Amino acid sequence: MGNTDATPLQFGGDWTSAKLQVLFEYLESYTTALKNKPSAARPFKKGYIDAFAGSGYRDAKREDSSEFSSQGLLFPDLAEPEPQALLEGSALLALKAKPRFDRYIFIEQNAKRCAALEVIKKDSPGMANDIAVRQGDANREIQDICSKNWSSHRAVLFLDPYGMQVEWETIKAIAQTKAIDLWLLFPLGIGVNRLLTKSGEIPESWRKRLNLLLGTEGWYDEFYDIQTTPDIFGNAQERVVKATTETIGRYFNNRLKNIFAGVADEPGILRNSANNPLYLLCFAVGNERAKEIALPIAEHLLRKIR
């Protein structure tokens, strides 16, 4: 794999670099914490799972608007192209984290990107046998992985979708392992807020998409308020009030709190150059005992991108 020293990333640059810096620093803190556990403690196998691993690099295809549309991003106009170079993506950064993980699982639906990941695996001296590349739908693959016996395993899972592909059933399966720490990009402005029309009249296909992502149909009453006020003649006038992005983000984060052992109270906010919020970077801890260590680390890192 060539030089295995992690290339420093700086906060305050583009939003992709910001999220990757948070992830990388957490991975190193995570593996260090498990390594430093008392020898009497039960040893766990440590894994890293990347559900939308791409090619291993940040390349121009990831930012192409036509691909955003095909991958579930209905409104690509907010996702301005970022400076493009063959920068390391989450999969490569995870391989560089020290101490290392025992197992790496990279999930990608695109065949060409899976082939690129296989090249990275082949070019990773001493690590290739611990890397698995799985081609398939992220939701199905993750639910399959989570259905295994997790009693002697711990993992960090990075859910970084192109748009709104992640389903609540997948998030719930992750929580039910009680062994996985989750970093999740929630499509706040890039997806959910754009599907919530000002009028409150939402096409059925959009409703189904929101139901899958949020895991309930109850979101409508949370995101819309029907207010009745009299006009100058005393006649009742109804007005639909749509929730703010802050309310939407808080609602989703509270949904996470209902199923995970611990959740960062304030997700990171990733914005474009016009200061529009694109995503929330959310963090959730699967294991009750682990949250006292994991949450402070994650919250410290998230404060850098609020």
C-alpha atoms as a PDB file:
ATOM      1  CA  MET A   1       0.000   0.000   0.000  1.00  0.00           C
ATOM      2  CA  GLY A   2       3.057   2.216  -0.104  1.00  0.00           C
ATOM      3  CA  ASN A   3       3.443   4.865   2.555  1.00  0.00           C
ATOM      4  CA  THR A   4       1.257   3.934   5.499  1.00  0.00           C
ATOM      5  CA  ASP A   5       1.754   7.140   7.469  1.00  0.00           C
ATOM      6  CA  ALA A   6      -1.543   8.992   7.757  1.00  0.00           C
ATOM      7  CA  THR A   7      -1.623  12.201   5.742  1.00  0.00           C
ATOM      8  CA  PRO A   8      -2.752  15.035   8.016  1.00  0.00           C
ATOM      9  CA  LEU A   9      -6.070  16.645   7.117  1.00  0.00           C
ATOM     10  CA  GLN A  10      -7.055  20.109   8.246  1.00  0.00           C
ATOM     11  CA  PHE A  11     -10.376  21.194   9.722  1.00  0.00           C
ATOM     12  CA  GLY A  12     -11.923  24.222   8.059  1.00  0.00           C
ATOM     13  CA  GLY A  13     -11.483  22.998   4.490  1.00  0.00           C
ATOM     14  CA  ASP A  14     -14.170  21.372   2.345  1.00  0.00           C
ATOM     15  CA  TRP A  15     -16.857  19.434   4.159  1.00  0.00           C
ATOM     16  CA  THR A  16     -15.689  16.055   2.879  1.00  0.00           C
ATOM     17  CA  SER A  17     -12.257  16.579   4.418  1.00  0.00           C
ATOM     18  CA  ALA A  18     -13.893  17.662   7.675  1.00  0.00           C
ATOM     19  CA  LYS A  19     -15.971  14.495   8.038  1.00  0.00           C
ATOM     20  CA  LEU A  20     -13.013  12.283   7.125  1.00  0.00           C
ATOM     21  CA  GLN A  21     -10.771  13.995   9.640  1.00  0.00           C
ATOM     22  CA  VAL A  22     -13.342  13.350  12.374  1.00  0.00           C
ATOM     23  CA  LEU A  23     -13.645   9.712  11.340  1.00  0.00           C
ATOM     24  CA  PHE A  24      -9.881   9.139  11.170  1.00  0.00           C
ATOM     25  CA  GLU A  25      -9.201  10.679  14.574  1.00  0.00           C
ATOM     26  CA  TYR A  26     -12.007   8.646  16.111  1.00  0.00           C
ATOM     27  CA  LEU A  27     -10.707   5.398  14.599  1.00  0.00           C
ATOM     28  CA  GLU A  28      -7.264   5.936  16.101  1.00  0.00           C
ATOM     29  CA  SER A  29      -8.770   6.834  19.480  1.00  0.00           C
ATOM     30  CA  TYR A  30     -11.058   3.789  19.300  1.00  0.00           C
ATOM     31  CA  THR A  31      -8.355   1.215  18.570  1.00  0.00           C
ATOM     32  CA  THR A  32      -6.047   2.811  21.139  1.00  0.00           C
ATOM     33  CA  ALA A  33      -8.752   2.631  23.822  1.00  0.00           C
ATOM     34  CA  LEU A  34      -9.399  -1.064  23.151  1.00  0.00           C
ATOM     35  CA  LYS A  35      -5.680  -1.825  23.093  1.00  0.00           C
ATOM     36  CA  ASN A  36      -5.237  -0.129  26.470  1.00  0.00           C
ATOM     37  CA  LYS A  37      -8.001  -2.080  28.190  1.00  0.00           C
ATOM     38  CA  PRO A  38      -6.690  -4.122  31.164  1.00  0.00           C
ATOM     39  CA  SER A  39      -5.325  -7.528  30.169  1.00  0.00           C
ATOM     40  CA  ALA A  40      -7.910  -9.205  32.391  1.00  0.00           C
ATOM     41  CA  ALA A  41     -10.671  -7.758  30.273  1.00  0.00           C
ATOM     42  CA  ARG A  42     -12.182  -9.981  27.639  1.00  0.00           C
ATOM     43  CA  PRO A  43     -10.366  -9.399  24.316  1.00  0.00           C
ATOM     44  CA  PHE A  44     -12.582  -8.314  21.435  1.00  0.00           C
ATOM     45  CA  LYS A  45     -11.968  -8.633  17.715  1.00  0.00           C
ATOM     46  CA  LYS A  46     -12.052  -5.093  16.323  1.00  0.00           C
ATOM     47  CA  GLY A  47     -13.644  -4.385  12.956  1.00  0.00           C
ATOM     48  CA  TYR A  48     -14.174  -1.436  10.642  1.00  0.00           C
ATOM     49  CA  ILE A  49     -17.139  -1.464   8.254  1.00  0.00           C
ATOM     50  CA  ASP A  50     -17.526   1.037   5.408  1.00  0.00           C
ATOM     51  CA  ALA A  51     -20.979   0.781   3.876  1.00  0.00           C
ATOM     52  CA  PHE A  52     -20.465   3.090   0.869  1.00  0.00           C
ATOM     53  CA  ALA A  53     -16.764   2.543   0.366  1.00  0.00           C
ATOM     54  CA  GLY A  54     -16.515   3.834  -3.209  1.00  0.00           C
ATOM     55  CA  SER A  55     -13.202   3.213  -4.934  1.00  0.00           C
ATOM     56  CA  GLY A  56     -11.167   3.955  -1.823  1.00  0.00           C
ATOM     57  CA  TYR A  57     -10.411   7.420  -3.139  1.00  0.00           C
ATOM     58  CA  ARG A  58     -12.341  10.643  -3.392  1.00  0.00           C
ATOM     59  CA  ASP A  59     -12.730  11.014  -7.116  1.00  0.00           C
ATOM     60  CA  ALA A  60     -14.749  13.151  -9.515  1.00  0.00           C
ATOM     61  CA  LYS A  61     -17.387  10.473 -10.053  1.00  0.00           C
ATOM     62  CA  ARG A  62     -18.541  10.739  -6.466  1.00  0.00           C
ATOM     63  CA  GLU A  63     -19.460  14.409  -7.013  1.00  0.00           C
ATOM     64  CA  ASP A  64     -21.055  13.997 -10.448  1.00  0.00           C
ATOM     65  CA  SER A  65     -24.638  15.288 -10.345  1.00  0.00           C
ATOM     66  CA  SER A  66     -25.991  12.575 -12.657  1.00  0.00           C
ATOM     67  CA  GLU A  67     -24.708   9.945 -10.258  1.00  0.00           C
ATOM     68  CA  PHE A  68     -26.239  11.767  -7.311  1.00  0.00           C
ATOM     69  CA  SER A  69     -29.613  11.514  -9.053  1.00  0.00           C
ATOM     70  CA  SER A  70     -29.228   7.799  -9.736  1.00  0.00           C
ATOM     71  CA  GLN A  71     -28.007   7.093  -6.204  1.00  0.00           C
ATOM     72  CA  GLY A  72     -30.978   8.661  -4.443  1.00  0.00           C
ATOM     73  CA  LEU A  73     -30.135  12.352  -4.221  1.00  0.00           C
ATOM     74  CA  LEU A  74     -33.214  14.003  -5.690  1.00  0.00           C
ATOM     75  CA  PHE A  75     -31.853  17.534  -5.464  1.00  0.00           C
ATOM     76  CA  PRO A  76     -28.219  17.595  -6.627  1.00  0.00           C
ATOM     77  CA  ASP A  77     -28.069  21.385  -6.930  1.00  0.00           C
ATOM     78  CA  LEU A  78     -26.984  21.822  -3.300  1.00  0.00           C
ATOM     79  CA  ALA A  79     -24.062  19.446  -3.702  1.00  0.00           C
ATOM     80  CA  GLU A  80     -21.549  21.691  -5.394  1.00  0.00           C
ATOM     81  CA  PRO A  81     -18.444  19.961  -6.755  1.00  0.00           C
ATOM     82  CA  GLU A  82     -15.506  19.976  -4.401  1.00  0.00           C
ATOM     83  CA  PRO A  83     -11.860  20.339  -5.437  1.00  0.00           C
ATOM     84  CA  GLN A  84     -11.075  17.075  -7.175  1.00  0.00           C
ATOM     85  CA  ALA A  85      -7.859  15.175  -6.746  1.00  0.00           C
ATOM     86  CA  LEU A  86      -7.180  11.554  -5.938  1.00  0.00           C
ATOM     87  CA  LEU A  87      -7.483  12.145  -2.223  1.00  0.00           C
ATOM     88  CA  GLU A  88      -7.798   9.283   0.188  1.00  0.00           C
ATOM     89  CA  GLY A  89     -11.318   8.258   1.074  1.00  0.00           C
ATOM     90  CA  SER A  90     -12.610   6.662   4.250  1.00  0.00           C
ATOM     91  CA  ALA A  91     -11.536   3.127   3.314  1.00  0.00           C
ATOM     92  CA  LEU A  92      -7.881   4.052   2.814  1.00  0.00           C
ATOM     93  CA  LEU A  93      -7.820   6.216   5.926  1.00  0.00           C
ATOM     94  CA  ALA A  94      -9.224   3.332   7.973  1.00  0.00           C
ATOM     95  CA  LEU A  95      -6.401   1.106   6.746  1.00  0.00           C
ATOM     96  CA  LYS A  96      -3.904   3.728   7.952  1.00  0.00           C
ATOM     97  CA  ALA A  97      -5.353   4.105  11.447  1.00  0.00           C
ATOM     98  CA  LYS A  98      -2.972   2.942  14.171  1.00  0.00           C
ATOM     99  CA  PRO A  99      -3.329   0.689  16.102  1.00  0.00           C
ATOM    100  CA  ARG A 100      -4.933  -1.236  13.270  1.00  0.00           C
ATOM    101  CA  PHE A 101      -8.236  -3.108  13.194  1.00  0.00           C
ATOM    102  CA  ASP A 102      -8.419  -6.900  13.082  1.00  0.00           C
ATOM    103  CA  ARG A 103     -10.916  -6.915  10.228  1.00  0.00           C
ATOM    104  CA  TYR A 104     -12.067  -4.500   7.493  1.00  0.00           C
ATOM    105  CA  ILE A 105     -15.283  -4.831   5.488  1.00  0.00           C
ATOM    106  CA  PHE A 106     -15.791  -2.546   2.489  1.00  0.00           C
ATOM    107  CA  ILE A 107     -19.263  -2.564   0.926  1.00  0.00           C
ATOM    108  CA  GLU A 108     -19.889  -1.099  -2.516  1.00  0.00           C
ATOM    109  CA  GLN A 109     -22.614  -1.733  -5.095  1.00  0.00           C
ATOM    110  CA  ASN A 110     -20.688  -0.517  -8.148  1.00  0.00           C
ATOM    111  CA  ALA A 111     -18.614  -3.265  -9.802  1.00  0.00           C
ATOM    112  CA  LYS A 112     -15.825  -0.941 -11.018  1.00  0.00           C
ATOM    113  CA  ARG A 113     -15.369   0.517  -7.565  1.00  0.00           C
ATOM    114  CA  CYS A 114     -15.299  -2.943  -6.023  1.00  0.00           C
ATOM    115  CA  ALA A 115     -12.516  -3.812  -8.465  1.00  0.00           C
ATOM    116  CA  ALA A 116     -10.590  -0.724  -7.306  1.00  0.00           C
ATOM    117  CA  LEU A 117     -11.054  -1.804  -3.694  1.00  0.00           C
ATOM    118  CA  GLU A 118      -9.734  -5.252  -4.570  1.00  0.00           C
ATOM    119  CA  VAL A 119      -6.583  -3.578  -5.930  1.00  0.00           C
ATOM    120  CA  ILE A 120      -6.170  -1.692  -2.650  1.00  0.00           C
ATOM    121  CA  LYS A 121      -6.624  -4.985  -0.790  1.00  0.00           C
ATOM    122  CA  LYS A 122      -3.993  -6.679  -2.957  1.00  0.00           C
ATOM    123  CA  ASP A 123      -1.572  -3.775  -2.432  1.00  0.00           C
ATOM    124  CA  SER A 124      -1.923  -3.814   1.364  1.00  0.00           C
ATOM    125  CA  PRO A 125       1.051  -5.810   2.686  1.00  0.00           C
ATOM    126  CA  GLY A 126       0.231  -7.908   5.714  1.00  0.00           C
ATOM    127  CA  MET A 127      -3.424  -6.807   5.727  1.00  0.00           C
ATOM    128  CA  ALA A 128      -4.988  -8.351   2.626  1.00  0.00           C
ATOM    129  CA  ASN A 129      -6.260 -11.436   4.465  1.00  0.00           C
ATOM    130  CA  ASP A 130      -8.132  -9.172   6.885  1.00  0.00           C
ATOM    131  CA  ILE A 131      -9.914  -7.139   4.206  1.00  0.00           C
ATOM    132  CA  ALA A 132     -13.256  -8.231   2.747  1.00  0.00           C
ATOM    133  CA  VAL A 133     -14.819  -6.450  -0.237  1.00  0.00           C
ATOM    134  CA  ARG A 134     -18.541  -7.112  -0.550  1.00  0.00           C
ATOM    135  CA  GLN A 135     -20.441  -6.040  -3.644  1.00  0.00           C
ATOM    136  CA  GLY A 136     -24.108  -5.396  -2.975  1.00  0.00           C
ATOM    137  CA  ASP A 137     -26.775  -3.115  -1.576  1.00  0.00           C
ATOM    138  CA  ALA A 138     -25.540  -1.496   1.631  1.00  0.00           C
ATOM    139  CA  ASN A 139     -28.796  -2.037   3.523  1.00  0.00           C
ATOM    140  CA  ARG A 140     -28.939  -5.763   2.747  1.00  0.00           C
ATOM    141  CA  GLU A 141     -25.225  -6.312   3.398  1.00  0.00           C
ATOM    142  CA  ILE A 142     -25.221  -4.484   6.730  1.00  0.00           C
ATOM    143  CA  GLN A 143     -28.334  -6.249   7.963  1.00  0.00           C
ATOM    144  CA  ASP A 144     -26.693  -9.569   7.099  1.00  0.00           C
ATOM    145  CA  ILE A 145     -23.486  -8.639   8.952  1.00  0.00           C
ATOM    146  CA  CYS A 146     -25.454  -7.437  11.978  1.00  0.00           C
ATOM    147  CA  SER A 147     -27.399 -10.709  12.181  1.00  0.00           C
ATOM    148  CA  LYS A 148     -24.228 -12.597  13.214  1.00  0.00           C
ATOM    149  CA  ASN A 149     -23.102 -13.295  16.788  1.00  0.00           C
ATOM    150  CA  TRP A 150     -21.413 -10.137  18.102  1.00  0.00           C
ATOM    151  CA  SER A 151     -20.599 -11.294  21.633  1.00  0.00           C
ATOM    152  CA  SER A 152     -16.824 -11.293  21.043  1.00  0.00           C
ATOM    153  CA  HIS A 153     -16.651  -8.520  18.466  1.00  0.00           C
ATOM    154  CA  ARG A 154     -16.695  -4.716  18.390  1.00  0.00           C
ATOM    155  CA  ALA A 155     -16.747  -2.456  15.349  1.00  0.00           C
ATOM    156  CA  VAL A 156     -16.978   1.063  13.979  1.00  0.00           C
ATOM    157  CA  LEU A 157     -19.368   1.458  11.046  1.00  0.00           C
ATOM    158  CA  PHE A 158     -19.293   4.434   8.691  1.00  0.00           C
ATOM    159  CA  LEU A 159     -22.579   5.093   6.868  1.00  0.00           C
ATOM    160  CA  ASP A 160     -21.820   7.754   4.271  1.00  0.00           C
ATOM    161  CA  PRO A 161     -24.581   7.515   1.645  1.00  0.00           C
ATOM    162  CA  TYR A 162     -24.758   9.518  -1.567  1.00  0.00           C
ATOM    163  CA  GLY A 163     -28.299  10.562  -0.728  1.00  0.00           C
ATOM    164  CA  MET A 164     -31.203   8.916   1.090  1.00  0.00           C
ATOM    165  CA  GLN A 165     -30.414   5.239   0.545  1.00  0.00           C
ATOM    166  CA  VAL A 166     -30.072   4.270   4.211  1.00  0.00           C
ATOM    167  CA  GLU A 167     -33.147   2.611   5.721  1.00  0.00           C
ATOM    168  CA  TRP A 168     -34.194   2.808   9.364  1.00  0.00           C
ATOM    169  CA  GLU A 169     -34.330  -0.985   9.544  1.00  0.00           C
ATOM    170  CA  THR A 170     -30.594  -0.987   8.833  1.00  0.00           C
ATOM    171  CA  ILE A 171     -29.883   1.551  11.575  1.00  0.00           C
ATOM    172  CA  LYS A 172     -32.005  -0.510  13.967  1.00  0.00           C
ATOM    173  CA  ALA A 173     -30.078  -3.686  13.082  1.00  0.00           C
ATOM    174  CA  ILE A 174     -26.821  -1.892  13.887  1.00  0.00           C
ATOM    175  CA  ALA A 175     -28.140  -0.792  17.285  1.00  0.00           C
ATOM    176  CA  GLN A 176     -29.370  -4.288  18.095  1.00  0.00           C
ATOM    177  CA  THR A 177     -25.844  -5.738  17.924  1.00  0.00           C
ATOM    178  CA  LYS A 178     -24.966  -3.659  21.031  1.00  0.00           C
ATOM    179  CA  ALA A 179     -21.416  -3.815  19.723  1.00  0.00           C
ATOM    180  CA  ILE A 180     -21.102  -1.237  16.931  1.00  0.00           C
ATOM    181  CA  ASP A 181     -20.265   2.457  17.107  1.00  0.00           C
ATOM    182  CA  LEU A 182     -21.986   4.257  14.238  1.00  0.00           C
ATOM    183  CA  TRP A 183     -20.909   7.347  12.313  1.00  0.00           C
ATOM    184  CA  LEU A 184     -23.761   8.360  10.028  1.00  0.00           C
ATOM    185  CA  LEU A 185     -24.217  11.163   7.513  1.00  0.00           C
ATOM    186  CA  PHE A 186     -27.871  12.218   7.717  1.00  0.00           C
ATOM    187  CA  PRO A 187     -29.059  13.988   4.523  1.00  0.00           C
ATOM    188  CA  LEU A 188     -30.566  17.042   6.211  1.00  0.00           C
ATOM    189  CA  GLY A 189     -30.549  19.807   3.599  1.00  0.00           C
ATOM    190  CA  ILE A 190     -29.464  17.630   0.697  1.00  0.00           C
ATOM    191  CA  GLY A 191     -32.478  15.336   1.055  1.00  0.00           C
ATOM    192  CA  VAL A 192     -35.051  15.453   3.858  1.00  0.00           C
ATOM    193  CA  ASN A 193     -35.613  19.217   3.989  1.00  0.00           C
ATOM    194  CA  ARG A 194     -36.048  19.344   0.230  1.00  0.00           C
ATOM    195  CA  LEU A 195     -38.717  16.647   0.276  1.00  0.00           C
ATOM    196  CA  LEU A 196     -40.735  18.552   2.867  1.00  0.00           C
ATOM    197  CA  THR A 197     -42.687  20.964   0.695  1.00  0.00           C
ATOM    198  CA  LYS A 198     -43.810  24.323   2.091  1.00  0.00           C
ATOM    199  CA  SER A 199     -47.439  23.464   1.343  1.00  0.00           C
ATOM    200  CA  GLY A 200     -47.271  20.156   3.225  1.00  0.00           C
ATOM    201  CA  GLU A 201     -48.521  18.318   0.136  1.00  0.00           C
ATOM    202  CA  ILE A 202     -45.938  15.601  -0.386  1.00  0.00           C
ATOM    203  CA  PRO A 203     -45.959  13.153  -3.324  1.00  0.00           C
ATOM    204  CA  GLU A 204     -46.509   9.549  -2.296  1.00  0.00           C
ATOM    205  CA  SER A 205     -43.119   8.413  -3.612  1.00  0.00           C
ATOM    206  CA  TRP A 206     -41.414  11.044  -1.437  1.00  0.00           C
ATOM    207  CA  ARG A 207     -43.456   9.977   1.597  1.00  0.00           C
ATOM    208  CA  LYS A 208     -42.326   6.378   1.130  1.00  0.00           C
ATOM    209  CA  ARG A 209     -38.709   7.508   0.927  1.00  0.00           C
ATOM    210  CA  LEU A 210     -39.019   9.463   4.154  1.00  0.00           C
ATOM    211  CA  ASN A 211     -40.810   6.564   5.846  1.00  0.00           C
ATOM    212  CA  LEU A 212     -37.931   4.209   4.988  1.00  0.00           C
ATOM    213  CA  LEU A 213     -35.292   6.633   6.220  1.00  0.00           C
ATOM    214  CA  LEU A 214     -37.063   7.712   9.420  1.00  0.00           C
ATOM    215  CA  GLY A 215     -38.725   4.381  10.225  1.00  0.00           C
ATOM    216  CA  THR A 216     -42.152   5.828  10.917  1.00  0.00           C
ATOM    217  CA  GLU A 217     -45.011   7.757   9.345  1.00  0.00           C
ATOM    218  CA  GLY A 218     -45.218   9.947  12.448  1.00  0.00           C
ATOM    219  CA  TRP A 219     -42.665  12.422  11.075  1.00  0.00           C
ATOM    220  CA  TYR A 220     -45.401  14.400   9.299  1.00  0.00           C
ATOM    221  CA  ASP A 221     -47.036  15.599  12.511  1.00  0.00           C
ATOM    222  CA  GLU A 222     -43.604  16.491  13.892  1.00  0.00           C
ATOM    223  CA  PHE A 223     -42.554  18.502  10.850  1.00  0.00           C
ATOM    224  CA  TYR A 224     -45.812  20.345  10.096  1.00  0.00           C
ATOM    225  CA  ASP A 225     -48.015  22.523  12.250  1.00  0.00           C
ATOM    226  CA  ILE A 226     -51.442  23.651  11.063  1.00  0.00           C
ATOM    227  CA  GLN A 227     -52.175  27.032  12.635  1.00  0.00           C
ATOM    228  CA  THR A 228     -55.594  28.659  12.516  1.00  0.00           C
ATOM    229  CA  THR A 229     -55.837  32.444  12.795  1.00  0.00           C
ATOM    230  CA  PRO A 230     -58.698  34.871  12.074  1.00  0.00           C
ATOM    231  CA  ASP A 231     -58.406  37.294   9.160  1.00  0.00           C
ATOM    232  CA  ILE A 232     -59.525  40.945   9.389  1.00  0.00           C
ATOM    233  CA  PHE A 233     -63.131  39.851   8.883  1.00  0.00           C
ATOM    234  CA  GLY A 234     -63.006  37.253  11.656  1.00  0.00           C
ATOM    235  CA  ASN A 235     -62.906  34.299   9.286  1.00  0.00           C
ATOM    236  CA  ALA A 236     -60.651  31.372  10.242  1.00  0.00           C
ATOM    237  CA  GLN A 237     -57.569  31.030   8.055  1.00  0.00           C
ATOM    238  CA  GLU A 238     -55.390  27.929   8.114  1.00  0.00           C
ATOM    239  CA  ARG A 239     -51.640  28.229   7.648  1.00  0.00           C
ATOM    240  CA  VAL A 240     -49.153  25.385   7.260  1.00  0.00           C
ATOM    241  CA  VAL A 241     -45.898  25.922   9.144  1.00  0.00           C
ATOM    242  CA  LYS A 242     -42.955  23.730   8.133  1.00  0.00           C
ATOM    243  CA  ALA A 243     -40.299  22.692  10.638  1.00  0.00           C
ATOM    244  CA  THR A 244     -36.858  24.273  10.604  1.00  0.00           C
ATOM    245  CA  THR A 245     -33.765  22.268   9.717  1.00  0.00           C
ATOM    246  CA  GLU A 246     -32.858  22.401  13.417  1.00  0.00           C
ATOM    247  CA  THR A 247     -36.143  20.702  14.315  1.00  0.00           C
ATOM    248  CA  ILE A 248     -35.640  18.045  11.633  1.00  0.00           C
ATOM    249  CA  GLY A 249     -32.124  17.281  12.817  1.00  0.00           C
ATOM    250  CA  ARG A 250     -33.170  17.126  16.472  1.00  0.00           C
ATOM    251  CA  TYR A 251     -36.026  14.762  15.595  1.00  0.00           C
ATOM    252  CA  PHE A 252     -33.684  12.318  13.842  1.00  0.00           C
ATOM    253  CA  ASN A 253     -31.078  12.477  16.581  1.00  0.00           C
ATOM    254  CA  ASN A 254     -33.774  11.717  19.155  1.00  0.00           C
ATOM    255  CA  ARG A 255     -34.838   8.723  17.055  1.00  0.00           C
ATOM    256  CA  LEU A 256     -31.261   7.434  17.370  1.00  0.00           C
ATOM    257  CA  LYS A 257     -31.385   7.944  21.139  1.00  0.00           C
ATOM    258  CA  ASN A 258     -34.388   5.625  21.335  1.00  0.00           C
ATOM    259  CA  ILE A 259     -32.392   2.632  20.078  1.00  0.00           C
ATOM    260  CA  PHE A 260     -28.687   3.189  20.898  1.00  0.00           C
ATOM    261  CA  ALA A 261     -26.914   3.083  24.251  1.00  0.00           C
ATOM    262  CA  GLY A 262     -25.572   6.596  23.726  1.00  0.00           C
ATOM    263  CA  VAL A 263     -25.796   9.340  21.091  1.00  0.00           C
ATOM    264  CA  ALA A 264     -23.857  12.579  20.671  1.00  0.00           C
ATOM    265  CA  ASP A 265     -26.245  15.405  21.603  1.00  0.00           C
ATOM    266  CA  GLU A 266     -24.963  17.810  18.963  1.00  0.00           C
ATOM    267  CA  PRO A 267     -24.138  16.301  15.556  1.00  0.00           C
ATOM    268  CA  GLY A 268     -21.615  17.992  13.315  1.00  0.00           C
ATOM    269  CA  ILE A 269     -23.066  20.243  10.611  1.00  0.00           C
ATOM    270  CA  LEU A 270     -21.548  19.976   7.138  1.00  0.00           C
ATOM    271  CA  ARG A 271     -22.285  23.011   4.962  1.00  0.00           C
ATOM    272  CA  ASN A 272     -21.583  24.101   1.403  1.00  0.00           C
ATOM    273  CA  SER A 273     -19.888  27.391   0.519  1.00  0.00           C
ATOM    274  CA  ALA A 274     -23.231  29.202   0.667  1.00  0.00           C
ATOM    275  CA  ASN A 275     -23.496  28.090   4.314  1.00  0.00           C
ATOM    276  CA  ASN A 276     -26.440  25.803   3.567  1.00  0.00           C
ATOM    277  CA  PRO A 277     -26.514  22.728   5.851  1.00  0.00           C
ATOM    278  CA  LEU A 278     -26.076  19.661   3.670  1.00  0.00           C
ATOM    279  CA  TYR A 279     -25.646  16.846   6.181  1.00  0.00           C
ATOM    280  CA  LEU A 280     -25.528  16.118   9.868  1.00  0.00           C
ATOM    281  CA  LEU A 281     -22.644  13.943  11.001  1.00  0.00           C
ATOM    282  CA  CYS A 282     -24.259  11.852  13.740  1.00  0.00           C
ATOM    283  CA  PHE A 283     -22.598   9.505  16.218  1.00  0.00           C
ATOM    284  CA  ALA A 284     -24.143   6.658  18.208  1.00  0.00           C
ATOM    285  CA  VAL A 285     -22.640   4.072  20.593  1.00  0.00           C
ATOM    286  CA  GLY A 286     -23.967   0.534  20.558  1.00  0.00           C
ATOM    287  CA  ASN A 287     -22.551  -0.752  23.831  1.00  0.00           C
ATOM    288  CA  GLU A 288     -23.662   0.579  27.215  1.00  0.00           C
ATOM    289  CA  ARG A 289     -20.257   0.066  28.851  1.00  0.00           C
ATOM    290  CA  ALA A 290     -18.404   1.735  25.988  1.00  0.00           C
ATOM    291  CA  LYS A 291     -20.352   4.982  25.907  1.00  0.00           C
ATOM    292  CA  GLU A 292     -18.512   6.576  28.841  1.00  0.00           C
ATOM    293  CA  ILE A 293     -15.324   6.519  26.784  1.00  0.00           C
ATOM    294  CA  ALA A 294     -16.680   6.794  23.234  1.00  0.00           C
ATOM    295  CA  LEU A 295     -19.111   9.694  23.633  1.00  0.00           C
ATOM    296  CA  PRO A 296     -16.647  12.255  25.039  1.00  0.00           C
ATOM    297  CA  ILE A 297     -14.193  11.481  22.238  1.00  0.00           C
ATOM    298  CA  ALA A 298     -16.834  11.809  19.529  1.00  0.00           C
ATOM    299  CA  GLU A 299     -18.361  14.965  21.009  1.00  0.00           C
ATOM    300  CA  HIS A 300     -14.932  16.610  21.232  1.00  0.00           C
ATOM    301  CA  LEU A 301     -14.344  15.905  17.538  1.00  0.00           C
ATOM    302  CA  LEU A 302     -17.826  16.999  16.472  1.00  0.00           C
ATOM    303  CA  ARG A 303     -17.423  20.387  18.137  1.00  0.00           C
ATOM    304  CA  LYS A 304     -14.821  21.192  15.494  1.00  0.00           C
ATOM    305  CA  ILE A 305     -17.391  21.128  12.676  1.00  0.00           C
ATOM    306  CA  ARG A 306     -20.402  22.866  14.188  1.00  0.00           C
END
